[in-house]
Amino acid sequence: MNQFIAETSFWELFPQAELGIVIVSGINNNSDACAAREEIIENLAAANQTAKKYIDKGTLSECRVISVWRDAFQKFKKKKGNRSSIEALLSRVQKGNEVGAINPLVDLYNTMSLTYGLPCGGEDLDKLAGTLRLTVSKNGGENFIAIGDTENDPTLAGELCYLDDQGAVCRCWNWRDGVRTMLTEQSTSAFLIFESVDPERHEDLAAAVDALAEAVPKYLGGEVKVQKILNQKDTTIIL
């Protein structure tokens, strides 16, 4: 990846949105080599409990941190049933099916997502091709194989997604990541992003970005190359 751009088509849909970005390099994401592996897992378990405070209605879709995303997902083309990543996490918490460990870096960003009630995702920086764009796909058809799948499932025309020069990276904004750029235990650099559509949650977003930027080098080594919040007036990161 040489740059990230949130394009005009995104801001036309969500002029008040904010994107909190952390880019790290030189990390060691190998579970066996992570001295703090148990602490990371314990923190994730604690975050599952913390996240219960966001489930403040009997119906999950009526909880504020979810309802804003339900509304947001009505503004672009999607398949029936596609939901935001934070709804997927909180749905598991509500059902008592705790979000479990995957690998150290994914566990760290899931911990922050649960703690702050915001969607957060990550991609292997070295596997991203050219420019990463958050944009509405004009014609659809960008290649995409979701994590856990084996068949190509191309984007839809009018779908909001993350695209690079080789195809789709994450479908339906933050619904589903792809196999090609997923974070693995061999990943040494990463693009991490929080998303917010609620202007009243700016301070939560800023705190989440700070917490993740502190946690990654603390537990996995390496360094933070970029720590920034993008908005409609500041839309691009150049590496």
Protein backbone atom coordinates (compact mmCIF):
# COMPACT_ATOMS: atom_id res chain seq x y z
CA MET A 1 0.00 0.00 0.00
CA ASN A 2 1.34 3.41 -0.90
CA GLN A 3 -1.60 5.48 0.32
CA PHE A 4 -5.10 5.38 1.75
CA ILE A 5 -7.90 7.59 0.46
CA ALA A 6 -11.47 7.93 1.69
CA GLU A 7 -13.02 9.03 -1.59
CA THR A 8 -15.70 11.60 -2.31
CA SER A 9 -18.38 8.94 -2.80
CA PHE A 10 -17.89 7.90 0.83
CA TRP A 11 -18.12 11.43 2.23
CA GLU A 12 -21.22 12.13 0.16
CA LEU A 13 -22.93 9.34 2.11
CA PHE A 14 -21.36 10.08 5.49
CA PRO A 15 -20.18 13.70 5.73
CA GLN A 16 -19.86 13.54 9.53
CA ALA A 17 -17.99 10.24 9.67
CA GLU A 18 -14.52 9.88 11.18
CA LEU A 19 -11.90 7.23 10.54
CA GLY A 20 -9.27 6.49 13.15
CA ILE A 21 -6.17 4.96 11.60
CA VAL A 22 -3.13 3.28 13.12
CA ILE A 23 -0.39 1.91 10.86
CA VAL A 24 2.28 -0.26 12.47
CA SER A 25 5.42 -1.97 11.23
CA GLY A 26 8.08 -4.32 12.57
CA ILE A 27 5.68 -6.25 14.81
CA ASN A 28 5.96 -9.90 15.84
CA ASN A 29 2.46 -11.36 15.61
CA ASN A 30 3.48 -14.97 16.29
CA SER A 31 1.51 -16.39 19.21
CA ASP A 32 4.30 -18.71 20.35
CA ALA A 33 6.80 -15.84 20.42
CA CYS A 34 4.50 -13.43 22.26
CA ALA A 35 5.50 -13.27 25.92
CA ALA A 36 2.28 -11.44 26.77
CA ARG A 37 -0.02 -13.88 24.97
CA GLU A 38 -1.95 -14.81 28.09
CA GLU A 39 -2.34 -11.17 29.10
CA ILE A 40 -3.73 -10.29 25.66
CA ILE A 41 -6.24 -13.13 25.91
CA GLU A 42 -7.22 -12.07 29.44
CA ASN A 43 -7.73 -8.49 28.25
CA LEU A 44 -9.95 -9.74 25.42
CA ALA A 45 -12.04 -11.73 27.91
CA ALA A 46 -12.39 -8.63 30.09
CA ALA A 47 -13.43 -6.56 27.06
CA ASN A 48 -16.23 -9.04 26.38
CA GLN A 49 -17.59 -8.15 29.80
CA THR A 50 -17.04 -4.41 29.36
CA ALA A 51 -18.96 -4.50 26.08
CA LYS A 52 -22.14 -5.52 27.87
CA LYS A 53 -22.66 -1.87 28.81
CA TYR A 54 -23.42 -1.11 25.16
CA ILE A 55 -26.29 -3.61 25.15
CA ASP A 56 -28.68 -1.22 26.86
CA LYS A 57 -31.91 -2.28 25.13
CA GLY A 58 -33.70 -5.59 24.97
CA THR A 59 -33.41 -5.57 21.19
CA LEU A 60 -29.82 -5.32 19.97
CA SER A 61 -30.69 -3.24 16.91
CA GLU A 62 -32.16 -0.56 19.19
CA CYS A 63 -28.94 -0.09 21.17
CA ARG A 64 -27.38 3.23 20.19
CA VAL A 65 -23.98 1.88 19.14
CA ILE A 66 -25.80 -0.53 16.83
CA SER A 67 -28.74 1.58 15.62
CA VAL A 68 -26.45 4.20 14.07
CA TRP A 69 -24.85 1.44 12.02
CA ARG A 70 -28.19 -0.08 11.06
CA ASP A 71 -29.11 3.35 9.67
CA ALA A 72 -25.73 3.71 7.94
CA PHE A 73 -26.05 0.35 6.20
CA GLN A 74 -29.28 1.50 4.59
CA LYS A 75 -27.40 4.12 2.56
CA PHE A 76 -25.54 1.80 0.19
CA LYS A 77 -26.10 -1.42 -1.70
CA LYS A 78 -25.67 -4.59 0.31
CA LYS A 79 -26.89 -8.12 0.55
CA LYS A 80 -29.75 -8.86 2.91
CA GLY A 81 -28.53 -9.49 6.43
CA ASN A 82 -25.15 -7.79 6.12
CA ARG A 83 -24.38 -6.01 9.39
CA SER A 84 -21.56 -3.92 10.83
CA SER A 85 -18.64 -5.66 12.51
CA ILE A 86 -19.48 -4.13 15.89
CA GLU A 87 -22.98 -5.60 15.70
CA ALA A 88 -21.48 -9.01 14.97
CA LEU A 89 -19.24 -8.75 18.04
CA LEU A 90 -21.96 -7.47 20.37
CA SER A 91 -24.37 -10.10 19.11
CA ARG A 92 -21.93 -12.74 20.30
CA VAL A 93 -21.56 -11.02 23.66
CA GLN A 94 -25.33 -10.84 24.04
CA LYS A 95 -25.65 -14.56 23.35
CA GLY A 96 -22.88 -15.48 25.78
CA ASN A 97 -20.66 -16.67 22.93
CA GLU A 98 -17.56 -14.66 23.82
CA VAL A 99 -15.29 -13.24 21.13
CA GLY A 100 -12.27 -15.52 21.42
CA ALA A 101 -8.59 -15.42 20.56
CA ILE A 102 -7.43 -15.53 16.92
CA ASN A 103 -3.92 -14.11 16.82
CA PRO A 104 -2.29 -11.39 18.97
CA LEU A 105 -2.93 -8.38 16.72
CA VAL A 106 -6.51 -9.35 15.87
CA ASP A 107 -7.13 -9.94 19.56
CA LEU A 108 -5.79 -6.47 20.37
CA TYR A 109 -8.07 -4.69 17.91
CA ASN A 110 -11.08 -6.80 18.88
CA THR A 111 -10.38 -5.85 22.49
CA MET A 112 -10.47 -2.17 21.55
CA SER A 113 -13.57 -2.62 19.40
CA LEU A 114 -15.43 -4.22 22.30
CA THR A 115 -14.09 -1.77 24.87
CA TYR A 116 -15.08 1.34 22.91
CA GLY A 117 -18.11 0.02 21.02
CA LEU A 118 -16.73 0.93 17.60
CA PRO A 119 -16.00 -1.14 14.51
CA CYS A 120 -12.32 -1.88 14.08
CA GLY A 121 -10.55 -3.89 11.41
CA GLY A 122 -7.08 -4.62 10.18
CA GLU A 123 -5.22 -5.66 7.04
CA ASP A 124 -1.72 -6.91 6.34
CA LEU A 125 0.00 -3.82 4.98
CA ASP A 126 2.42 -5.85 2.88
CA LYS A 127 -0.43 -7.62 1.08
CA LEU A 128 -2.32 -4.47 0.10
CA ALA A 129 -1.72 -3.51 -3.54
CA GLY A 130 -1.16 0.13 -4.49
CA THR A 131 -3.79 2.56 -3.20
CA LEU A 132 -6.35 1.46 -0.62
CA ARG A 133 -9.65 3.28 -1.14
CA LEU A 134 -12.83 3.50 0.91
CA THR A 135 -15.30 4.09 -1.86
CA VAL A 136 -18.60 3.18 -3.46
CA SER A 137 -18.05 0.62 -6.20
CA LYS A 138 -19.54 2.16 -9.32
CA ASN A 139 -20.00 -0.99 -11.39
CA GLY A 140 -19.27 -3.75 -8.87
CA GLY A 141 -17.50 -6.92 -9.89
CA GLU A 142 -14.30 -6.48 -7.86
CA ASN A 143 -12.88 -9.86 -6.86
CA PHE A 144 -13.30 -10.92 -3.25
CA ILE A 145 -12.93 -14.15 -1.30
CA ALA A 146 -14.13 -13.75 2.27
CA ILE A 147 -12.27 -15.22 5.22
CA GLY A 148 -13.62 -18.73 5.66
CA ASP A 149 -14.77 -19.02 2.05
CA THR A 150 -13.10 -20.48 -1.04
CA GLU A 151 -15.15 -19.00 -3.89
CA ASN A 152 -15.03 -15.54 -5.40
CA ASP A 153 -17.93 -13.31 -4.32
CA PRO A 154 -17.62 -10.07 -6.33
CA THR A 155 -18.76 -6.69 -5.05
CA LEU A 156 -22.13 -5.19 -5.97
CA ALA A 157 -22.65 -2.01 -7.94
CA GLY A 158 -23.28 0.75 -5.40
CA GLU A 159 -21.65 -1.14 -2.52
CA LEU A 160 -19.42 0.76 -0.10
CA CYS A 161 -16.20 -1.15 0.38
CA TYR A 162 -12.44 -1.01 0.77
CA LEU A 163 -10.73 -1.58 -2.58
CA ASP A 164 -7.09 -1.77 -3.60
CA ASP A 165 -5.49 -2.24 -7.01
CA GLN A 166 -6.24 -6.00 -7.01
CA GLY A 167 -9.86 -6.02 -5.88
CA ALA A 168 -11.94 -5.79 -2.73
CA VAL A 169 -10.29 -5.86 0.69
CA CYS A 170 -13.36 -5.56 2.93
CA ARG A 171 -16.97 -5.84 1.77
CA CYS A 172 -20.00 -3.79 2.75
CA TRP A 173 -17.84 -1.18 4.56
CA ASN A 174 -16.80 -3.21 7.63
CA TRP A 175 -18.91 -6.33 7.29
CA ARG A 176 -16.41 -8.93 6.06
CA ASP A 177 -12.66 -9.06 5.46
CA GLY A 178 -11.02 -10.96 2.62
CA VAL A 179 -8.48 -13.80 2.66
CA ARG A 180 -5.94 -12.01 0.47
CA THR A 181 -5.05 -9.26 2.95
CA MET A 182 -6.02 -10.87 6.26
CA LEU A 183 -3.74 -10.56 9.27
CA THR A 184 -1.88 -13.77 10.07
CA GLU A 185 0.76 -14.78 12.58
CA GLN A 186 3.34 -14.02 9.88
CA SER A 187 2.18 -10.41 9.44
CA THR A 188 4.80 -7.81 10.37
CA SER A 189 3.03 -4.62 9.27
CA ALA A 190 -0.62 -3.66 9.51
CA PHE A 191 -3.21 -1.08 8.55
CA LEU A 192 -5.72 -0.76 11.40
CA ILE A 193 -8.87 1.35 11.28
CA PHE A 194 -11.73 2.38 13.55
CA GLU A 195 -14.90 3.79 12.00
CA SER A 196 -17.47 6.14 13.50
CA VAL A 197 -20.68 7.61 12.06
CA ASP A 198 -21.79 9.28 15.30
CA PRO A 199 -20.28 12.78 15.77
CA GLU A 200 -21.02 12.60 19.49
CA ARG A 201 -18.52 9.75 19.82
CA HIS A 202 -15.44 11.66 18.72
CA GLU A 203 -13.79 11.39 22.13
CA ASP A 204 -14.43 7.63 22.23
CA LEU A 205 -12.86 7.29 18.79
CA ALA A 206 -9.81 9.32 19.79
CA ALA A 207 -9.39 7.26 22.96
CA ALA A 208 -9.68 4.01 21.02
CA VAL A 209 -7.02 5.11 18.53
CA ASP A 210 -4.69 6.14 21.35
CA ALA A 211 -5.24 2.86 23.19
CA LEU A 212 -4.55 0.70 20.15
CA ALA A 213 -1.49 2.74 19.16
CA GLU A 214 -0.12 2.20 22.66
CA ALA A 215 -1.02 -1.49 22.91
CA VAL A 216 0.49 -2.76 19.66
CA PRO A 217 4.14 -1.81 20.30
CA LYS A 218 3.75 -2.65 23.99
CA TYR A 219 2.75 -6.23 23.28
CA LEU A 220 4.08 -6.94 19.78
CA GLY A 221 7.06 -4.63 19.41
CA GLY A 222 7.60 -2.60 16.25
CA GLU A 223 6.55 0.99 15.87
CA VAL A 224 3.55 3.12 15.03
CA LYS A 225 4.15 4.77 11.65
CA VAL A 226 0.82 6.62 11.44
CA GLN A 227 -1.74 7.59 14.07
CA LYS A 228 -4.43 9.84 12.67
CA ILE A 229 -8.15 10.60 12.55
CA LEU A 230 -9.50 11.40 9.10
CA ASN A 231 -12.60 13.44 8.37
CA GLN A 232 -14.20 15.14 5.37
CA LYS A 233 -11.52 17.86 5.41
CA ASP A 234 -8.58 15.48 5.76
CA THR A 235 -9.15 12.37 3.68
CA THR A 236 -5.77 10.90 2.72
CA ILE A 237 -2.74 9.19 4.21
CA ILE A 238 0.41 8.89 2.08
CA LEU A 239 3.08 6.41 3.12
